Amino acid sequence: MLAIIADSASLARAQLADAIAFAKEQAIPLEVVATSELGRPEYVRNDGQRCFFCKDELFTLMEELRLARGFDAIAYGVNVDDQGDFRPGQKAAEAHHIVAPLLEVGLTKNEIRMLARNAGLRVWDKPASACLSSRIEYGRPVTREALAVVEKGEDALRVLGFRQFRVRHHGEIVRIEIAGEELPRALDPQMAAEFARTFKGLGFKFVTLDLEGFRSGSMNALLPAAELFRRAR
């Protein structure tokens, strides 16, 4: 087997470094390959199908690698819980005949975490983290500059000691999502002032804290219901 990490501007450097370190700790064969989704206009325009074009780029590249290296199949980590959200990337996986062993055996995220904990893997409770592009509101072009701003913002929140969060880019407005159990600390006036200083320093004119807290896929709430239904079928 060979583990593959797709590297591009949409992958935070901290996440890349941690994944490489984990593979080294576990003696997992690993290769990092560069993907070029930012070179695809369909991806950059950032409509509801952005994730499809990202995964199409990734799986096209991986299929070339699979054939060159003589591997039988490409597998990815989709699980049962992923079926309950709007995820166009799964359509790309189906189109490329990518296998999904965790889904095939019916494992949920919590079950996978428990198996990882029982196996002694340090990442068993690592917070989920989608690509940086998922932080940019639909309809706003995905650019290297916008991705870099989001990454710097999330790095700053990590330095401040927060664990589960998202920096949502809405142009002049940044919407910060913090996990519910961490919200009381985020609502402290001194911390709020630190948020304002940090994010205005990154170029945002308005700094907001989302009182609903962190929730995965919150940008999907901005998509028309008709598109969500049609694309998810």
Protein backbone atom coordinates (compact mmCIF):
# COMPACT_ATOMS: atom_id res chain seq x y z
CA MET A 1 0.00 0.00 0.00
CA LEU A 2 0.97 3.61 -0.45
CA ALA A 3 -0.58 6.59 1.34
CA ILE A 4 -0.99 9.73 -0.75
CA ILE A 5 -1.32 13.33 0.42
CA ALA A 6 -2.53 15.84 -2.16
CA ASP A 7 -0.71 19.10 -1.55
CA SER A 8 -1.96 22.48 -2.76
CA ALA A 9 -2.73 25.94 -1.44
CA SER A 10 -5.99 24.61 0.03
CA LEU A 11 -4.10 22.36 2.49
CA ALA A 12 -2.93 24.11 5.65
CA ARG A 13 0.79 23.71 6.35
CA ALA A 14 0.08 22.63 9.94
CA GLN A 15 -2.20 19.83 8.71
CA LEU A 16 0.35 18.71 6.13
CA ALA A 17 3.18 18.62 8.66
CA ASP A 18 1.10 16.65 11.16
CA ALA A 19 0.01 14.09 8.55
CA ILE A 20 3.60 13.56 7.43
CA ALA A 21 4.73 13.19 11.05
CA PHE A 22 1.96 10.66 11.77
CA ALA A 23 2.88 8.56 8.73
CA LYS A 24 6.50 8.56 9.86
CA GLU A 25 5.53 7.52 13.41
CA GLN A 26 3.53 4.58 12.07
CA ALA A 27 6.02 3.63 9.34
CA ILE A 28 3.34 4.18 6.68
CA PRO A 29 4.71 4.46 3.13
CA LEU A 30 3.83 7.97 2.03
CA GLU A 31 4.11 10.17 -1.01
CA VAL A 32 3.10 13.83 -1.29
CA VAL A 33 1.86 14.86 -4.73
CA ALA A 34 1.00 18.34 -5.97
CA THR A 35 -2.50 18.92 -7.32
CA SER A 36 -3.55 21.85 -9.51
CA GLU A 37 -7.22 22.44 -8.74
CA LEU A 38 -6.54 26.20 -8.61
CA GLY A 39 -5.76 25.97 -12.32
CA ARG A 40 -9.31 24.82 -13.06
CA PRO A 41 -11.82 27.66 -13.62
CA GLU A 42 -14.67 25.39 -12.49
CA TYR A 43 -13.00 25.10 -9.10
CA VAL A 44 -11.96 28.73 -8.74
CA ARG A 45 -15.46 30.07 -9.38
CA ASN A 46 -16.51 28.32 -6.16
CA ASP A 47 -20.10 27.31 -6.80
CA GLY A 48 -21.86 24.41 -5.09
CA GLN A 49 -19.88 21.89 -7.15
CA ARG A 50 -16.40 23.10 -6.16
CA CYS A 51 -15.67 19.92 -4.21
CA PHE A 52 -16.49 17.76 -7.23
CA PHE A 53 -13.84 19.47 -9.35
CA CYS A 54 -11.30 19.25 -6.53
CA LYS A 55 -11.78 15.50 -6.15
CA ASP A 56 -11.90 15.02 -9.93
CA GLU A 57 -8.46 16.63 -10.14
CA LEU A 58 -7.17 14.49 -7.28
CA PHE A 59 -8.52 11.16 -8.50
CA THR A 60 -7.38 11.78 -12.09
CA LEU A 61 -3.85 12.31 -10.80
CA MET A 62 -4.04 9.31 -8.49
CA GLU A 63 -5.28 7.04 -11.26
CA GLU A 64 -2.20 7.92 -13.30
CA LEU A 65 -0.05 7.13 -10.29
CA ARG A 66 -1.91 3.89 -9.61
CA LEU A 67 -1.32 2.65 -13.14
CA ALA A 68 2.34 3.67 -13.10
CA ARG A 69 2.98 1.91 -9.76
CA GLY A 70 0.89 -1.17 -10.45
CA PHE A 71 -1.59 -0.85 -7.59
CA ASP A 72 -4.99 -2.55 -7.82
CA ALA A 73 -7.22 0.19 -6.43
CA ILE A 74 -7.52 3.65 -4.92
CA ALA A 75 -9.27 3.91 -1.55
CA TYR A 76 -10.50 6.94 0.35
CA GLY A 77 -11.89 7.52 3.81
CA VAL A 78 -15.57 8.37 3.32
CA ASN A 79 -17.73 6.86 6.08
CA VAL A 80 -21.41 6.43 6.97
CA ASP A 81 -21.77 9.86 8.60
CA ASP A 82 -20.52 11.55 5.43
CA GLN A 83 -23.68 10.41 3.66
CA GLY A 84 -25.76 12.86 5.65
CA ASP A 85 -24.22 16.05 4.26
CA PHE A 86 -23.90 17.77 0.88
CA ARG A 87 -20.65 16.34 -0.52
CA PRO A 88 -20.24 16.60 -4.31
CA GLY A 89 -16.76 15.09 -4.01
CA GLN A 90 -18.38 11.72 -3.47
CA LYS A 91 -19.81 11.93 -6.99
CA ALA A 92 -16.28 12.34 -8.32
CA ALA A 93 -15.18 9.28 -6.34
CA GLU A 94 -18.01 7.25 -7.87
CA ALA A 95 -17.11 8.46 -11.36
CA HIS A 96 -13.51 7.32 -10.86
CA HIS A 97 -14.53 4.00 -9.23
CA ILE A 98 -12.73 4.78 -5.99
CA VAL A 99 -13.28 2.18 -3.28
CA ALA A 100 -14.63 3.20 0.14
CA PRO A 101 -13.83 0.41 2.63
CA LEU A 102 -15.01 2.29 5.74
CA LEU A 103 -18.38 2.97 4.13
CA GLU A 104 -18.69 -0.58 2.80
CA VAL A 105 -18.42 -2.05 6.30
CA GLY A 106 -20.77 0.56 7.76
CA LEU A 107 -18.40 2.42 10.09
CA THR A 108 -19.39 5.78 11.56
CA LYS A 109 -16.96 8.54 12.56
CA ASN A 110 -17.33 7.72 16.24
CA GLU A 111 -16.66 4.03 15.61
CA ILE A 112 -13.58 4.89 13.56
CA ARG A 113 -12.33 7.13 16.37
CA MET A 114 -12.84 4.35 18.93
CA LEU A 115 -10.98 1.87 16.74
CA ALA A 116 -8.15 4.37 16.35
CA ARG A 117 -8.03 4.97 20.11
CA ASN A 118 -7.96 1.21 20.80
CA ALA A 119 -5.08 0.93 18.35
CA GLY A 120 -3.16 3.59 20.25
CA LEU A 121 -3.18 6.15 17.45
CA ARG A 122 -2.61 9.69 18.78
CA VAL A 123 -4.90 11.22 16.14
CA TRP A 124 -8.00 9.35 17.35
CA ASP A 125 -9.64 12.54 18.68
CA LYS A 126 -8.10 15.04 16.28
CA PRO A 127 -10.70 17.64 15.24
CA ALA A 128 -12.07 17.22 11.73
CA SER A 129 -10.64 19.70 9.25
CA ALA A 130 -11.88 20.14 5.70
CA CYS A 131 -9.78 21.95 3.10
CA LEU A 132 -9.24 25.70 3.40
CA SER A 133 -11.43 26.36 0.35
CA SER A 134 -14.47 25.21 2.32
CA ARG A 135 -14.04 28.33 4.48
CA ILE A 136 -14.70 30.70 1.58
CA GLU A 137 -18.35 31.60 0.91
CA TYR A 138 -19.86 30.15 -2.26
CA GLY A 139 -19.64 32.53 -5.20
CA ARG A 140 -16.44 34.19 -3.97
CA PRO A 141 -13.50 33.05 -6.12
CA VAL A 142 -10.99 30.77 -4.45
CA THR A 143 -7.60 32.47 -4.65
CA ARG A 144 -4.22 31.77 -3.09
CA GLU A 145 -4.50 35.09 -1.26
CA ALA A 146 -7.87 34.23 0.32
CA LEU A 147 -6.67 30.77 1.30
CA ALA A 148 -3.55 32.24 2.90
CA VAL A 149 -5.63 34.69 4.96
CA VAL A 150 -7.87 31.88 6.23
CA GLU A 151 -4.85 29.75 7.09
CA LYS A 152 -3.17 32.59 9.01
CA GLY A 153 -6.39 33.24 10.89
CA GLU A 154 -6.77 29.61 11.91
CA ASP A 155 -3.11 29.41 12.90
CA ALA A 156 -3.72 32.41 15.16
CA LEU A 157 -6.72 30.74 16.81
CA ARG A 158 -4.62 27.63 17.40
CA VAL A 159 -1.90 29.70 19.04
CA LEU A 160 -4.58 31.24 21.30
CA GLY A 161 -5.36 27.73 22.52
CA PHE A 162 -8.60 26.97 20.69
CA ARG A 163 -9.02 23.43 19.41
CA GLN A 164 -12.16 23.17 17.26
CA PHE A 165 -12.92 26.15 15.03
CA ARG A 166 -13.38 27.52 11.53
CA VAL A 167 -12.52 30.88 9.98
CA ARG A 168 -15.26 31.65 7.44
CA HIS A 169 -14.32 34.18 4.75
CA HIS A 170 -17.18 36.46 3.64
CA GLY A 171 -15.19 39.16 1.87
CA GLU A 172 -14.82 42.14 4.20
CA ILE A 173 -16.39 40.10 6.99
CA VAL A 174 -14.81 37.18 8.83
CA ARG A 175 -17.14 34.83 10.70
CA ILE A 176 -15.35 32.87 13.42
CA GLU A 177 -16.88 29.59 14.54
CA ILE A 178 -15.71 28.17 17.89
CA ALA A 179 -16.84 24.86 19.41
CA GLY A 180 -19.63 25.26 21.96
CA GLU A 181 -17.54 24.12 24.91
CA GLU A 182 -14.91 26.75 24.03
CA LEU A 183 -17.34 29.61 23.35
CA PRO A 184 -17.31 31.06 26.90
CA ARG A 185 -13.59 31.74 26.57
CA ALA A 186 -14.10 33.24 23.11
CA LEU A 187 -16.79 35.58 24.46
CA ASP A 188 -14.46 37.10 27.02
CA PRO A 189 -14.03 40.85 26.20
CA GLN A 190 -10.25 40.61 26.19
CA MET A 191 -10.36 37.64 23.82
CA ALA A 192 -12.85 39.46 21.59
CA ALA A 193 -10.44 42.37 21.40
CA GLU A 194 -7.65 39.96 20.42
CA PHE A 195 -9.85 38.53 17.67
CA ALA A 196 -10.50 42.03 16.33
CA ARG A 197 -6.82 42.95 16.39
CA THR A 198 -5.74 39.71 14.71
CA PHE A 199 -8.32 39.58 11.94
CA LYS A 200 -8.31 43.26 11.11
CA GLY A 201 -4.57 42.83 10.78
CA LEU A 202 -5.29 40.20 8.13
CA GLY A 203 -7.37 42.68 6.14
CA PHE A 204 -10.95 42.08 7.30
CA LYS A 205 -13.02 45.20 8.01
CA PHE A 206 -15.54 43.45 10.26
CA VAL A 207 -14.81 40.66 12.75
CA THR A 208 -17.73 38.53 13.95
CA LEU A 209 -18.08 35.57 16.31
CA ASP A 210 -20.81 33.11 15.29
CA LEU A 211 -23.00 32.51 18.36
CA GLU A 212 -24.15 29.14 17.00
CA GLY A 213 -20.58 27.92 17.39
CA PHE A 214 -18.63 25.51 15.22
CA ARG A 215 -20.57 23.26 12.85
CA SER A 216 -19.20 21.34 9.94
CA GLY A 217 -20.45 22.38 6.52
CA SER A 218 -22.15 25.58 7.67
CA MET A 219 -21.44 27.22 4.29
CA ASN A 220 -23.86 24.73 2.73
CA ALA A 221 -26.69 26.57 4.49
CA LEU A 222 -26.10 29.40 2.01
CA LEU A 223 -26.88 27.21 -1.00
CA PRO A 224 -30.43 27.21 -2.44
CA ALA A 225 -32.45 24.24 -1.19
CA ALA A 226 -33.27 23.23 -4.76
CA GLU A 227 -29.58 22.89 -5.61
CA LEU A 228 -28.83 20.88 -2.49
CA PHE A 229 -31.63 18.46 -3.33
CA ARG A 230 -30.79 18.18 -7.00
CA ARG A 231 -27.05 17.70 -6.53
CA ALA A 232 -27.36 15.27 -3.66
CA ARG A 233 -29.49 12.80 -5.60
